[in-house]
Amino acid sequence: MSFMSILAAAETAAPAAAQTTTTVVADGAAAAPGAAAQPQPNMLTGMLPIIIVFAVMIFFMMRSQKKQAQKRQQMIDQVVKGTRVLLNSGMYGTIVEVKSNSFVVEIADRVQVEVVKNGIADLAVDPKEADPKAAK
């Protein structure tokens, strides 16, 4: 037998096998040949819980970022002349002048730099005030 004769036999047997299939219902009885098959569930229905969890997670992340941005803006708004600050560069300084979009910060005696308002990382806290054990 050659390969072509085997292939031809398989092609003729495949349609005949497809016509003789029967549908079996859940109770084990064979369904009528003309009966409609059960509709498959929508793909969106299966993915809906995942989509909801993802949406809730995104909502809470955005809410957290908004709170952090508001807290940072409040911190920048309370900076006035004489406030000791920590810059993003890691240097400590004292606010000498407040401008509309920037601060003039004195980082050493008679050494002043102008930084944008977002250049302030945090308000500087005296280590003795931050740690009660260090004050003793």
C-alpha atoms as a PDB file:
ATOM      1  CA  MET A   1       0.000   0.000   0.000  1.00  0.00           C
ATOM      2  CA  SER A   2       1.293   3.374  -0.892  1.00  0.00           C
ATOM      3  CA  PHE A   3       0.948   6.559   1.098  1.00  0.00           C
ATOM      4  CA  MET A   4      -1.528   8.003  -1.400  1.00  0.00           C
ATOM      5  CA  SER A   5      -3.881   5.029  -1.084  1.00  0.00           C
ATOM      6  CA  ILE A   6      -3.829   5.292   2.727  1.00  0.00           C
ATOM      7  CA  LEU A   7      -4.554   9.024   2.520  1.00  0.00           C
ATOM      8  CA  ALA A   8      -7.455   8.462   0.110  1.00  0.00           C
ATOM      9  CA  ALA A   9      -8.930   5.795   2.397  1.00  0.00           C
ATOM     10  CA  ALA A  10      -8.697   8.118   5.400  1.00  0.00           C
ATOM     11  CA  GLU A  11     -10.453  10.940   3.539  1.00  0.00           C
ATOM     12  CA  THR A  12     -13.365   8.745   2.551  1.00  0.00           C
ATOM     13  CA  ALA A  13     -13.699   7.306   6.060  1.00  0.00           C
ATOM     14  CA  ALA A  14     -13.682  10.703   7.816  1.00  0.00           C
ATOM     15  CA  PRO A  15     -17.000  12.040   6.419  1.00  0.00           C
ATOM     16  CA  ALA A  16     -18.722   8.747   7.114  1.00  0.00           C
ATOM     17  CA  ALA A  17     -17.542   8.833  10.730  1.00  0.00           C
ATOM     18  CA  ALA A  18     -18.784  12.397  11.141  1.00  0.00           C
ATOM     19  CA  GLN A  19     -22.280  11.424   9.997  1.00  0.00           C
ATOM     20  CA  THR A  20     -22.608   8.555  12.463  1.00  0.00           C
ATOM     21  CA  THR A  21     -21.925  10.554  15.640  1.00  0.00           C
ATOM     22  CA  THR A  22     -24.713  10.762  18.189  1.00  0.00           C
ATOM     23  CA  THR A  23     -25.253  13.327  20.891  1.00  0.00           C
ATOM     24  CA  VAL A  24     -25.506  12.013  24.428  1.00  0.00           C
ATOM     25  CA  VAL A  25     -27.498  14.046  26.952  1.00  0.00           C
ATOM     26  CA  ALA A  26     -26.378  14.401  30.577  1.00  0.00           C
ATOM     27  CA  ASP A  27     -28.653  11.541  31.735  1.00  0.00           C
ATOM     28  CA  GLY A  28     -26.947   9.119  29.342  1.00  0.00           C
ATOM     29  CA  ALA A  29     -29.751   8.773  26.782  1.00  0.00           C
ATOM     30  CA  ALA A  30     -29.032   9.510  23.161  1.00  0.00           C
ATOM     31  CA  ALA A  31     -30.535  12.754  21.909  1.00  0.00           C
ATOM     32  CA  ALA A  32     -32.644  12.940  18.789  1.00  0.00           C
ATOM     33  CA  PRO A  33     -30.589  13.556  15.635  1.00  0.00           C
ATOM     34  CA  GLY A  34     -32.438  16.816  14.899  1.00  0.00           C
ATOM     35  CA  ALA A  35     -32.221  18.209  18.456  1.00  0.00           C
ATOM     36  CA  ALA A  36     -30.385  21.486  18.912  1.00  0.00           C
ATOM     37  CA  ALA A  37     -27.159  21.479  20.902  1.00  0.00           C
ATOM     38  CA  GLN A  38     -26.905  23.436  24.153  1.00  0.00           C
ATOM     39  CA  PRO A  39     -25.690  27.005  23.566  1.00  0.00           C
ATOM     40  CA  GLN A  40     -22.189  27.644  24.845  1.00  0.00           C
ATOM     41  CA  PRO A  41     -21.812  30.285  27.573  1.00  0.00           C
ATOM     42  CA  ASN A  42     -20.603  33.697  26.524  1.00  0.00           C
ATOM     43  CA  MET A  43     -16.845  34.187  26.927  1.00  0.00           C
ATOM     44  CA  LEU A  44     -17.449  37.524  28.636  1.00  0.00           C
ATOM     45  CA  THR A  45     -19.453  35.801  31.373  1.00  0.00           C
ATOM     46  CA  GLY A  46     -16.438  33.722  32.380  1.00  0.00           C
ATOM     47  CA  MET A  47     -14.120  36.716  32.360  1.00  0.00           C
ATOM     48  CA  LEU A  48     -16.487  39.063  34.194  1.00  0.00           C
ATOM     49  CA  PRO A  49     -15.157  38.316  37.728  1.00  0.00           C
ATOM     50  CA  ILE A  50     -11.585  38.934  36.586  1.00  0.00           C
ATOM     51  CA  ILE A  51     -12.591  42.212  34.944  1.00  0.00           C
ATOM     52  CA  ILE A  52     -14.422  43.352  38.095  1.00  0.00           C
ATOM     53  CA  VAL A  53     -11.451  42.535  40.352  1.00  0.00           C
ATOM     54  CA  PHE A  54      -9.109  44.361  37.972  1.00  0.00           C
ATOM     55  CA  ALA A  55     -11.373  47.442  37.904  1.00  0.00           C
ATOM     56  CA  VAL A  56     -11.607  47.544  41.712  1.00  0.00           C
ATOM     57  CA  MET A  57      -7.823  47.230  42.001  1.00  0.00           C
ATOM     58  CA  ILE A  58      -7.285  50.107  39.548  1.00  0.00           C
ATOM     59  CA  PHE A  59      -9.818  52.231  41.468  1.00  0.00           C
ATOM     60  CA  PHE A  60      -8.009  51.748  44.784  1.00  0.00           C
ATOM     61  CA  MET A  61      -4.598  52.441  43.234  1.00  0.00           C
ATOM     62  CA  MET A  62      -5.833  55.687  41.705  1.00  0.00           C
ATOM     63  CA  ARG A  63      -7.479  56.687  44.978  1.00  0.00           C
ATOM     64  CA  SER A  64      -4.244  56.055  46.886  1.00  0.00           C
ATOM     65  CA  GLN A  65      -2.199  58.107  44.426  1.00  0.00           C
ATOM     66  CA  LYS A  66      -4.690  60.963  44.646  1.00  0.00           C
ATOM     67  CA  LYS A  67      -4.455  60.989  48.450  1.00  0.00           C
ATOM     68  CA  GLN A  68      -0.655  61.019  48.301  1.00  0.00           C
ATOM     69  CA  ALA A  69      -0.697  63.907  45.817  1.00  0.00           C
ATOM     70  CA  GLN A  70      -3.065  65.908  48.038  1.00  0.00           C
ATOM     71  CA  LYS A  71      -0.895  65.257  51.103  1.00  0.00           C
ATOM     72  CA  ARG A  72       2.222  66.356  49.206  1.00  0.00           C
ATOM     73  CA  GLN A  73       0.494  69.513  47.957  1.00  0.00           C
ATOM     74  CA  GLN A  74      -0.559  70.373  51.516  1.00  0.00           C
ATOM     75  CA  MET A  75       3.028  69.890  52.671  1.00  0.00           C
ATOM     76  CA  ILE A  76       4.340  72.209  49.947  1.00  0.00           C
ATOM     77  CA  ASP A  77       1.627  74.787  50.697  1.00  0.00           C
ATOM     78  CA  GLN A  78       2.604  74.999  54.380  1.00  0.00           C
ATOM     79  CA  VAL A  79       6.246  75.810  53.576  1.00  0.00           C
ATOM     80  CA  VAL A  80       6.987  79.408  54.579  1.00  0.00           C
ATOM     81  CA  LYS A  81      10.115  81.506  55.041  1.00  0.00           C
ATOM     82  CA  GLY A  82      12.296  79.960  57.741  1.00  0.00           C
ATOM     83  CA  THR A  83      11.024  76.398  57.278  1.00  0.00           C
ATOM     84  CA  ARG A  84      13.749  73.750  57.318  1.00  0.00           C
ATOM     85  CA  VAL A  85      13.346  71.324  54.406  1.00  0.00           C
ATOM     86  CA  LEU A  86      14.926  68.245  52.877  1.00  0.00           C
ATOM     87  CA  LEU A  87      15.537  68.559  49.142  1.00  0.00           C
ATOM     88  CA  ASN A  88      15.218  65.716  46.641  1.00  0.00           C
ATOM     89  CA  SER A  89      18.998  65.857  46.234  1.00  0.00           C
ATOM     90  CA  GLY A  90      19.403  64.884  49.893  1.00  0.00           C
ATOM     91  CA  MET A  91      20.535  68.295  51.119  1.00  0.00           C
ATOM     92  CA  TYR A  92      18.947  70.102  54.036  1.00  0.00           C
ATOM     93  CA  GLY A  93      18.233  73.782  53.823  1.00  0.00           C
ATOM     94  CA  THR A  94      16.178  76.660  55.141  1.00  0.00           C
ATOM     95  CA  ILE A  95      13.627  78.505  53.017  1.00  0.00           C
ATOM     96  CA  VAL A  96      14.759  82.104  52.482  1.00  0.00           C
ATOM     97  CA  GLU A  97      12.183  83.225  49.935  1.00  0.00           C
ATOM     98  CA  VAL A  98       8.942  81.824  48.542  1.00  0.00           C
ATOM     99  CA  LYS A  99       8.241  82.506  44.854  1.00  0.00           C
ATOM    100  CA  SER A 100       5.262  81.498  42.731  1.00  0.00           C
ATOM    101  CA  ASN A 101       6.848  78.340  41.257  1.00  0.00           C
ATOM    102  CA  SER A 102      10.010  77.961  43.305  1.00  0.00           C
ATOM    103  CA  PHE A 103      11.752  78.422  46.626  1.00  0.00           C
ATOM    104  CA  VAL A 104      15.093  80.034  47.421  1.00  0.00           C
ATOM    105  CA  VAL A 105      16.804  77.700  49.873  1.00  0.00           C
ATOM    106  CA  GLU A 106      19.899  78.469  51.930  1.00  0.00           C
ATOM    107  CA  ILE A 107      21.910  75.255  52.158  1.00  0.00           C
ATOM    108  CA  ALA A 108      24.946  76.790  53.929  1.00  0.00           C
ATOM    109  CA  ASP A 109      26.003  80.213  55.188  1.00  0.00           C
ATOM    110  CA  ARG A 110      25.442  82.645  52.292  1.00  0.00           C
ATOM    111  CA  VAL A 111      24.918  79.748  49.840  1.00  0.00           C
ATOM    112  CA  GLN A 112      21.472  80.010  48.317  1.00  0.00           C
ATOM    113  CA  VAL A 113      19.932  77.908  45.575  1.00  0.00           C
ATOM    114  CA  GLU A 114      16.610  78.223  43.839  1.00  0.00           C
ATOM    115  CA  VAL A 115      14.629  74.990  43.571  1.00  0.00           C
ATOM    116  CA  VAL A 116      11.251  74.252  42.050  1.00  0.00           C
ATOM    117  CA  LYS A 117       8.465  73.509  44.496  1.00  0.00           C
ATOM    118  CA  ASN A 118       8.538  69.819  43.581  1.00  0.00           C
ATOM    119  CA  GLY A 119      12.226  69.780  44.552  1.00  0.00           C
ATOM    120  CA  ILE A 120      11.200  69.650  48.217  1.00  0.00           C
ATOM    121  CA  ALA A 121      11.176  66.027  49.366  1.00  0.00           C
ATOM    122  CA  ASP A 122       9.945  66.596  52.917  1.00  0.00           C
ATOM    123  CA  LEU A 123       9.942  68.954  55.829  1.00  0.00           C
ATOM    124  CA  ALA A 124      13.108  68.475  57.866  1.00  0.00           C
ATOM    125  CA  VAL A 125      12.547  67.236  61.390  1.00  0.00           C
ATOM    126  CA  ASP A 126      15.080  67.691  64.153  1.00  0.00           C
ATOM    127  CA  PRO A 127      16.306  64.179  65.083  1.00  0.00           C
ATOM    128  CA  LYS A 128      15.780  64.954  68.783  1.00  0.00           C
ATOM    129  CA  GLU A 129      12.114  65.747  68.123  1.00  0.00           C
ATOM    130  CA  ALA A 130      11.590  62.686  65.958  1.00  0.00           C
ATOM    131  CA  ASP A 131      13.055  60.146  68.424  1.00  0.00           C
ATOM    132  CA  PRO A 132      12.059  60.660  72.076  1.00  0.00           C
ATOM    133  CA  LYS A 133      14.910  58.376  73.264  1.00  0.00           C
ATOM    134  CA  ALA A 134      17.500  60.667  71.627  1.00  0.00           C
ATOM    135  CA  ALA A 135      16.201  63.683  73.576  1.00  0.00           C
ATOM    136  CA  LYS A 136      17.097  62.093  76.944  1.00  0.00           C
END
